[in-house]
Amino acid sequence: MPIINVRLASPMPDDEKCQEIIADLTDYFETKLGKKRERIVVMLDEINPNHIGFAGNSVERIKNAEFINNYTLKDE
């Protein structure tokens, strides 16, 4: 039984888009991997952007900052 766990930084897509993602991932695992559709589990998790970081900075901070050369933040 495949369990597909997708973690997305908030904000989450709307319900319609989430349904599309679930359907598309289910289709992919069924057609590409030969898994039984009724056994495929898809979970979409929302992660607070302050709880994800790159190069020592949260996604929220990066999103709100101006950068120089590949995610290097200016001195504050």
PDB file of N, CA and C in Angstrom:
ATOM      1  N   MET A   1       0.851  -1.177   0.000  1.00  0.00           N
ATOM      2  CA  MET A   1       0.000   0.000   0.000  1.00  0.00           C
ATOM      3  C   MET A   1       0.897   1.241   0.000  1.00  0.00           C
ATOM      4  N   PRO A   2       0.923   1.975  -1.089  1.00  0.00           N
ATOM      5  CA  PRO A   2       1.718   3.198  -1.112  1.00  0.00           C
ATOM      6  C   PRO A   2       1.055   4.301  -0.285  1.00  0.00           C
ATOM      7  N   ILE A   3       1.872   4.966   0.502  1.00  0.00           N
ATOM      8  CA  ILE A   3       1.428   6.145   1.242  1.00  0.00           C
ATOM      9  C   ILE A   3       2.253   7.306   0.721  1.00  0.00           C
ATOM     10  N   ILE A   4       1.582   8.259   0.108  1.00  0.00           N
ATOM     11  CA  ILE A   4       2.242   9.411  -0.486  1.00  0.00           C
ATOM     12  C   ILE A   4       1.990  10.597   0.429  1.00  0.00           C
ATOM     13  N   ASN A   5       3.046  11.135   1.005  1.00  0.00           N
ATOM     14  CA  ASN A   5       2.917  12.261   1.925  1.00  0.00           C
ATOM     15  C   ASN A   5       3.588  13.474   1.295  1.00  0.00           C
ATOM     16  N   VAL A   6       2.791  14.492   1.003  1.00  0.00           N
ATOM     17  CA  VAL A   6       3.300  15.720   0.396  1.00  0.00           C
ATOM     18  C   VAL A   6       3.197  16.822   1.439  1.00  0.00           C
ATOM     19  N   ARG A   7       4.320  17.467   1.693  1.00  0.00           N
ATOM     20  CA  ARG A   7       4.336  18.562   2.663  1.00  0.00           C
ATOM     21  C   ARG A   7       4.503  19.872   1.906  1.00  0.00           C
ATOM     22  N   LEU A   8       3.600  20.781   2.166  1.00  0.00           N
ATOM     23  CA  LEU A   8       3.592  22.074   1.492  1.00  0.00           C
ATOM     24  C   LEU A   8       3.657  23.185   2.520  1.00  0.00           C
ATOM     25  N   ALA A   9       4.493  24.184   2.244  1.00  0.00           N
ATOM     26  CA  ALA A   9       4.509  25.366   3.100  1.00  0.00           C
ATOM     27  C   ALA A   9       3.191  26.107   2.910  1.00  0.00           C
ATOM     28  N   SER A  10       2.603  26.554   4.019  1.00  0.00           N
ATOM     29  CA  SER A  10       1.344  27.279   3.911  1.00  0.00           C
ATOM     30  C   SER A  10       1.567  28.603   3.188  1.00  0.00           C
ATOM     31  N   PRO A  11       0.572  29.118   2.543  1.00  0.00           N
ATOM     32  CA  PRO A  11      -0.809  28.652   2.567  1.00  0.00           C
ATOM     33  C   PRO A  11      -1.022  27.462   1.625  1.00  0.00           C
ATOM     34  N   MET A  12      -1.901  26.581   2.052  1.00  0.00           N
ATOM     35  CA  MET A  12      -2.255  25.419   1.237  1.00  0.00           C
ATOM     36  C   MET A  12      -3.060  25.880   0.032  1.00  0.00           C
ATOM     37  N   PRO A  13      -2.989  25.122  -1.062  1.00  0.00           N
ATOM     38  CA  PRO A  13      -3.886  25.415  -2.190  1.00  0.00           C
ATOM     39  C   PRO A  13      -5.337  25.248  -1.741  1.00  0.00           C
ATOM     40  N   ASP A  14      -6.263  25.785  -2.519  1.00  0.00           N
ATOM     41  CA  ASP A  14      -7.674  25.629  -2.160  1.00  0.00           C
ATOM     42  C   ASP A  14      -8.082  24.155  -2.300  1.00  0.00           C
ATOM     43  N   ASP A  15      -9.279  23.828  -1.806  1.00  0.00           N
ATOM     44  CA  ASP A  15      -9.745  22.439  -1.776  1.00  0.00           C
ATOM     45  C   ASP A  15      -9.786  21.813  -3.170  1.00  0.00           C
ATOM     46  N   GLU A  16     -10.192  22.592  -4.152  1.00  0.00           N
ATOM     47  CA  GLU A  16     -10.264  22.075  -5.525  1.00  0.00           C
ATOM     48  C   GLU A  16      -8.872  21.672  -6.031  1.00  0.00           C
ATOM     49  N   LYS A  17      -7.878  22.504  -5.791  1.00  0.00           N
ATOM     50  CA  LYS A  17      -6.506  22.219  -6.212  1.00  0.00           C
ATOM     51  C   LYS A  17      -5.954  21.021  -5.434  1.00  0.00           C
ATOM     52  N   CYS A  18      -6.259  20.923  -4.145  1.00  0.00           N
ATOM     53  CA  CYS A  18      -5.819  19.765  -3.364  1.00  0.00           C
ATOM     54  C   CYS A  18      -6.407  18.479  -3.937  1.00  0.00           C
ATOM     55  N   GLN A  19      -7.676  18.507  -4.324  1.00  0.00           N
ATOM     56  CA  GLN A  19      -8.310  17.334  -4.927  1.00  0.00           C
ATOM     57  C   GLN A  19      -7.603  16.954  -6.229  1.00  0.00           C
ATOM     58  N   GLU A  20      -7.225  17.952  -7.029  1.00  0.00           N
ATOM     59  CA  GLU A  20      -6.484  17.679  -8.273  1.00  0.00           C
ATOM     60  C   GLU A  20      -5.142  17.013  -7.978  1.00  0.00           C
ATOM     61  N   ILE A  21      -4.438  17.511  -6.977  1.00  0.00           N
ATOM     62  CA  ILE A  21      -3.139  16.938  -6.608  1.00  0.00           C
ATOM     63  C   ILE A  21      -3.316  15.487  -6.178  1.00  0.00           C
ATOM     64  N   ILE A  22      -4.310  15.228  -5.344  1.00  0.00           N
ATOM     65  CA  ILE A  22      -4.584  13.864  -4.874  1.00  0.00           C
ATOM     66  C   ILE A  22      -4.906  12.953  -6.059  1.00  0.00           C
ATOM     67  N   ALA A  23      -5.766  13.406  -6.948  1.00  0.00           N
ATOM     68  CA  ALA A  23      -6.147  12.604  -8.114  1.00  0.00           C
ATOM     69  C   ALA A  23      -4.944  12.353  -9.026  1.00  0.00           C
ATOM     70  N   ASP A  24      -4.150  13.387  -9.271  1.00  0.00           N
ATOM     71  CA  ASP A  24      -2.986  13.246 -10.158  1.00  0.00           C
ATOM     72  C   ASP A  24      -1.952  12.278  -9.579  1.00  0.00           C
ATOM     73  N   LEU A  25      -1.673  12.388  -8.295  1.00  0.00           N
ATOM     74  CA  LEU A  25      -0.706  11.480  -7.674  1.00  0.00           C
ATOM     75  C   LEU A  25      -1.222  10.041  -7.670  1.00  0.00           C
ATOM     76  N   THR A  26      -2.511   9.872  -7.425  1.00  0.00           N
ATOM     77  CA  THR A  26      -3.113   8.540  -7.465  1.00  0.00           C
ATOM     78  C   THR A  26      -2.987   7.960  -8.868  1.00  0.00           C
ATOM     79  N   ASP A  27      -3.326   8.748  -9.884  1.00  0.00           N
ATOM     80  CA  ASP A  27      -3.209   8.292 -11.272  1.00  0.00           C
ATOM     81  C   ASP A  27      -1.775   7.892 -11.599  1.00  0.00           C
ATOM     82  N   TYR A  28      -0.830   8.705 -11.174  1.00  0.00           N
ATOM     83  CA  TYR A  28       0.579   8.443 -11.459  1.00  0.00           C
ATOM     84  C   TYR A  28       1.027   7.112 -10.851  1.00  0.00           C
ATOM     85  N   PHE A  29       0.726   6.907  -9.587  1.00  0.00           N
ATOM     86  CA  PHE A  29       1.145   5.675  -8.926  1.00  0.00           C
ATOM     87  C   PHE A  29       0.446   4.453  -9.517  1.00  0.00           C
ATOM     88  N   GLU A  30      -0.788   4.638  -9.960  1.00  0.00           N
ATOM     89  CA  GLU A  30      -1.516   3.534 -10.587  1.00  0.00           C
ATOM     90  C   GLU A  30      -0.908   3.192 -11.948  1.00  0.00           C
ATOM     91  N   THR A  31      -0.677   4.195 -12.784  1.00  0.00           N
ATOM     92  CA  THR A  31      -0.208   3.920 -14.147  1.00  0.00           C
ATOM     93  C   THR A  31       1.287   3.651 -14.228  1.00  0.00           C
ATOM     94  N   LYS A  32       2.094   4.397 -13.521  1.00  0.00           N
ATOM     95  CA  LYS A  32       3.547   4.266 -13.625  1.00  0.00           C
ATOM     96  C   LYS A  32       4.107   3.132 -12.766  1.00  0.00           C
ATOM     97  N   LEU A  33       3.475   2.874 -11.627  1.00  0.00           N
ATOM     98  CA  LEU A  33       4.008   1.869 -10.716  1.00  0.00           C
ATOM     99  C   LEU A  33       3.138   0.623 -10.611  1.00  0.00           C
ATOM    100  N   GLY A  34       1.979   0.651 -11.284  1.00  0.00           N
ATOM    101  CA  GLY A  34       1.107  -0.512 -11.282  1.00  0.00           C
ATOM    102  C   GLY A  34       0.439  -0.797  -9.945  1.00  0.00           C
ATOM    103  N   LYS A  35       0.287   0.214  -9.128  1.00  0.00           N
ATOM    104  CA  LYS A  35      -0.347   0.030  -7.816  1.00  0.00           C
ATOM    105  C   LYS A  35      -1.869   0.047  -7.956  1.00  0.00           C
ATOM    106  N   LYS A  36      -2.551  -0.670  -7.065  1.00  0.00           N
ATOM    107  CA  LYS A  36      -4.010  -0.689  -7.084  1.00  0.00           C
ATOM    108  C   LYS A  36      -4.536   0.629  -6.540  1.00  0.00           C
ATOM    109  N   ARG A  37      -5.370   1.265  -7.328  1.00  0.00           N
ATOM    110  CA  ARG A  37      -5.910   2.587  -7.006  1.00  0.00           C
ATOM    111  C   ARG A  37      -6.538   2.634  -5.613  1.00  0.00           C
ATOM    112  N   GLU A  38      -7.294   1.608  -5.278  1.00  0.00           N
ATOM    113  CA  GLU A  38      -8.014   1.594  -3.998  1.00  0.00           C
ATOM    114  C   GLU A  38      -7.088   1.428  -2.796  1.00  0.00           C
ATOM    115  N   ARG A  39      -5.807   1.144  -3.046  1.00  0.00           N
ATOM    116  CA  ARG A  39      -4.844   0.969  -1.960  1.00  0.00           C
ATOM    117  C   ARG A  39      -3.909   2.167  -1.805  1.00  0.00           C
ATOM    118  N   ILE A  40      -4.044   3.161  -2.670  1.00  0.00           N
ATOM    119  CA  ILE A  40      -3.142   4.320  -2.651  1.00  0.00           C
ATOM    120  C   ILE A  40      -3.676   5.370  -1.675  1.00  0.00           C
ATOM    121  N   VAL A  41      -2.815   5.797  -0.759  1.00  0.00           N
ATOM    122  CA  VAL A  41      -3.174   6.821   0.224  1.00  0.00           C
ATOM    123  C   VAL A  41      -2.349   8.070  -0.076  1.00  0.00           C
ATOM    124  N   VAL A  42      -3.003   9.210  -0.190  1.00  0.00           N
ATOM    125  CA  VAL A  42      -2.322  10.489  -0.409  1.00  0.00           C
ATOM    126  C   VAL A  42      -2.664  11.406   0.757  1.00  0.00           C
ATOM    127  N   MET A  43      -1.624  11.981   1.368  1.00  0.00           N
ATOM    128  CA  MET A  43      -1.823  12.923   2.474  1.00  0.00           C
ATOM    129  C   MET A  43      -1.120  14.225   2.132  1.00  0.00           C
ATOM    130  N   LEU A  44      -1.819  15.323   2.267  1.00  0.00           N
ATOM    131  CA  LEU A  44      -1.244  16.648   2.061  1.00  0.00           C
ATOM    132  C   LEU A  44      -1.125  17.318   3.419  1.00  0.00           C
ATOM    133  N   ASP A  45       0.093  17.626   3.812  1.00  0.00           N
ATOM    134  CA  ASP A  45       0.341  18.269   5.102  1.00  0.00           C
ATOM    135  C   ASP A  45       0.742  19.719   4.891  1.00  0.00           C
ATOM    136  N   GLU A  46       0.184  20.575   5.722  1.00  0.00           N
ATOM    137  CA  GLU A  46       0.530  21.993   5.695  1.00  0.00           C
ATOM    138  C   GLU A  46       1.587  22.270   6.754  1.00  0.00           C
ATOM    139  N   ILE A  47       2.684  22.865   6.331  1.00  0.00           N
ATOM    140  CA  ILE A  47       3.779  23.186   7.222  1.00  0.00           C
ATOM    141  C   ILE A  47       3.887  24.709   7.339  1.00  0.00           C
ATOM    142  N   ASN A  48       3.994  25.176   8.556  1.00  0.00           N
ATOM    143  CA  ASN A  48       4.188  26.602   8.786  1.00  0.00           C
ATOM    144  C   ASN A  48       5.515  27.022   8.160  1.00  0.00           C
ATOM    145  N   PRO A  49       5.542  28.072   7.313  1.00  0.00           N
ATOM    146  CA  PRO A  49       6.780  28.478   6.659  1.00  0.00           C
ATOM    147  C   PRO A  49       7.868  28.926   7.636  1.00  0.00           C
ATOM    148  N   ASN A  50       7.507  29.205   8.874  1.00  0.00           N
ATOM    149  CA  ASN A  50       8.517  29.524   9.877  1.00  0.00           C
ATOM    150  C   ASN A  50       9.202  28.264  10.405  1.00  0.00           C
ATOM    151  N   HIS A  51       8.664  27.087  10.051  1.00  0.00           N
ATOM    152  CA  HIS A  51       9.209  25.824  10.531  1.00  0.00           C
ATOM    153  C   HIS A  51      10.033  25.105   9.464  1.00  0.00           C
ATOM    154  N   ILE A  52      10.322  25.770   8.355  1.00  0.00           N
ATOM    155  CA  ILE A  52      11.145  25.220   7.279  1.00  0.00           C
ATOM    156  C   ILE A  52      12.258  26.217   7.018  1.00  0.00           C
ATOM    157  N   GLY A  53      13.480  25.732   6.874  1.00  0.00           N
ATOM    158  CA  GLY A  53      14.576  26.665   6.660  1.00  0.00           C
ATOM    159  C   GLY A  53      15.564  26.215   5.608  1.00  0.00           C
ATOM    160  N   PHE A  54      16.200  27.173   4.975  1.00  0.00           N
ATOM    161  CA  PHE A  54      17.284  26.986   4.021  1.00  0.00           C
ATOM    162  C   PHE A  54      18.420  27.900   4.441  1.00  0.00           C
ATOM    163  N   ALA A  55      19.610  27.374   4.475  1.00  0.00           N
ATOM    164  CA  ALA A  55      20.802  28.176   4.773  1.00  0.00           C
ATOM    165  C   ALA A  55      20.644  28.985   6.062  1.00  0.00           C
ATOM    166  N   GLY A  56      19.961  28.402   7.035  1.00  0.00           N
ATOM    167  CA  GLY A  56      19.814  29.059   8.325  1.00  0.00           C
ATOM    168  C   GLY A  56      18.699  30.079   8.412  1.00  0.00           C
ATOM    169  N   ASN A  57      17.878  30.182   7.378  1.00  0.00           N
ATOM    170  CA  ASN A  57      16.782  31.151   7.372  1.00  0.00           C
ATOM    171  C   ASN A  57      15.465  30.451   7.086  1.00  0.00           C
ATOM    172  N   SER A  58      14.406  30.864   7.782  1.00  0.00           N
ATOM    173  CA  SER A  58      13.099  30.260   7.547  1.00  0.00           C
ATOM    174  C   SER A  58      12.573  30.659   6.174  1.00  0.00           C
ATOM    175  N   VAL A  59      11.707  29.819   5.639  1.00  0.00           N
ATOM    176  CA  VAL A  59      11.085  30.125   4.352  1.00  0.00           C
ATOM    177  C   VAL A  59      10.335  31.445   4.436  1.00  0.00           C
ATOM    178  N   GLU A  60       9.675  31.679   5.547  1.00  0.00           N
ATOM    179  CA  GLU A  60       8.936  32.942   5.722  1.00  0.00           C
ATOM    180  C   GLU A  60       9.889  34.132   5.646  1.00  0.00           C
ATOM    181  N   ARG A  61      11.019  34.014   6.309  1.00  0.00           N
ATOM    182  CA  ARG A  61      12.001  35.103   6.296  1.00  0.00           C
ATOM    183  C   ARG A  61      12.561  35.311   4.883  1.00  0.00           C
ATOM    184  N   ILE A  62      12.863  34.215   4.211  1.00  0.00           N
ATOM    185  CA  ILE A  62      13.383  34.305   2.844  1.00  0.00           C
ATOM    186  C   ILE A  62      12.348  34.944   1.932  1.00  0.00           C
ATOM    187  N   LYS A  63      11.090  34.508   2.080  1.00  0.00           N
ATOM    188  CA  LYS A  63      10.004  35.012   1.243  1.00  0.00           C
ATOM    189  C   LYS A  63       9.837  36.524   1.400  1.00  0.00           C
ATOM    190  N   ASN A  64      10.076  37.024   2.589  1.00  0.00           N
ATOM    191  CA  ASN A  64       9.862  38.443   2.869  1.00  0.00           C
ATOM    192  C   ASN A  64      11.113  39.293   2.720  1.00  0.00           C
ATOM    193  N   ALA A  65      12.231  38.690   2.383  1.00  0.00           N
ATOM    194  CA  ALA A  65      13.493  39.426   2.320  1.00  0.00           C
ATOM    195  C   ALA A  65      13.948  39.642   0.883  1.00  0.00           C
ATOM    196  N   GLU A  66      14.855  40.547   0.698  1.00  0.00           N
ATOM    197  CA  GLU A  66      15.551  40.704  -0.577  1.00  0.00           C
ATOM    198  C   GLU A  66      16.803  39.844  -0.475  1.00  0.00           C
ATOM    199  N   PHE A  67      17.136  39.134  -1.539  1.00  0.00           N
ATOM    200  CA  PHE A  67      18.326  38.318  -1.469  1.00  0.00           C
ATOM    201  C   PHE A  67      19.398  38.779  -2.423  1.00  0.00           C
ATOM    202  N   ILE A  68      20.583  38.232  -2.128  1.00  0.00           N
ATOM    203  CA  ILE A  68      21.754  38.393  -2.983  1.00  0.00           C
ATOM    204  C   ILE A  68      22.304  36.986  -3.208  1.00  0.00           C
ATOM    205  N   ASN A  69      22.564  36.614  -4.427  1.00  0.00           N
ATOM    206  CA  ASN A  69      23.211  35.334  -4.764  1.00  0.00           C
ATOM    207  C   ASN A  69      22.676  34.121  -4.024  1.00  0.00           C
ATOM    208  N   ASN A  70      21.679  33.475  -4.571  1.00  0.00           N
ATOM    209  CA  ASN A  70      21.190  32.182  -4.064  1.00  0.00           C
ATOM    210  C   ASN A  70      20.848  32.160  -2.581  1.00  0.00           C
ATOM    211  N   TYR A  71      19.861  32.900  -2.183  1.00  0.00           N
ATOM    212  CA  TYR A  71      19.300  32.858  -0.835  1.00  0.00           C
ATOM    213  C   TYR A  71      20.201  33.409   0.256  1.00  0.00           C
ATOM    214  N   THR A  72      21.142  34.248  -0.071  1.00  0.00           N
ATOM    215  CA  THR A  72      21.924  34.900   0.969  1.00  0.00           C
ATOM    216  C   THR A  72      21.205  36.179   1.323  1.00  0.00           C
ATOM    217  N   LEU A  73      20.790  36.302   2.561  1.00  0.00           N
ATOM    218  CA  LEU A  73      20.052  37.476   2.989  1.00  0.00           C
ATOM    219  C   LEU A  73      21.006  38.624   3.280  1.00  0.00           C
ATOM    220  N   LYS A  74      20.521  39.830   3.022  1.00  0.00           N
ATOM    221  CA  LYS A  74      21.283  41.024   3.384  1.00  0.00           C
ATOM    222  C   LYS A  74      21.383  41.105   4.899  1.00  0.00           C
ATOM    223  N   ASP A  75      22.462  41.698   5.380  1.00  0.00           N
ATOM    224  CA  ASP A  75      22.582  41.919   6.819  1.00  0.00           C
ATOM    225  C   ASP A  75      21.473  42.851   7.276  1.00  0.00           C
ATOM    226  N   GLU A  76      20.949  42.554   8.425  1.00  0.00           N
ATOM    227  CA  GLU A  76      19.867  43.404   8.949  1.00  0.00           C
ATOM    228  C   GLU A  76      20.395  44.309  10.023  1.00  0.00           C
TER     229      GLU A  76
END
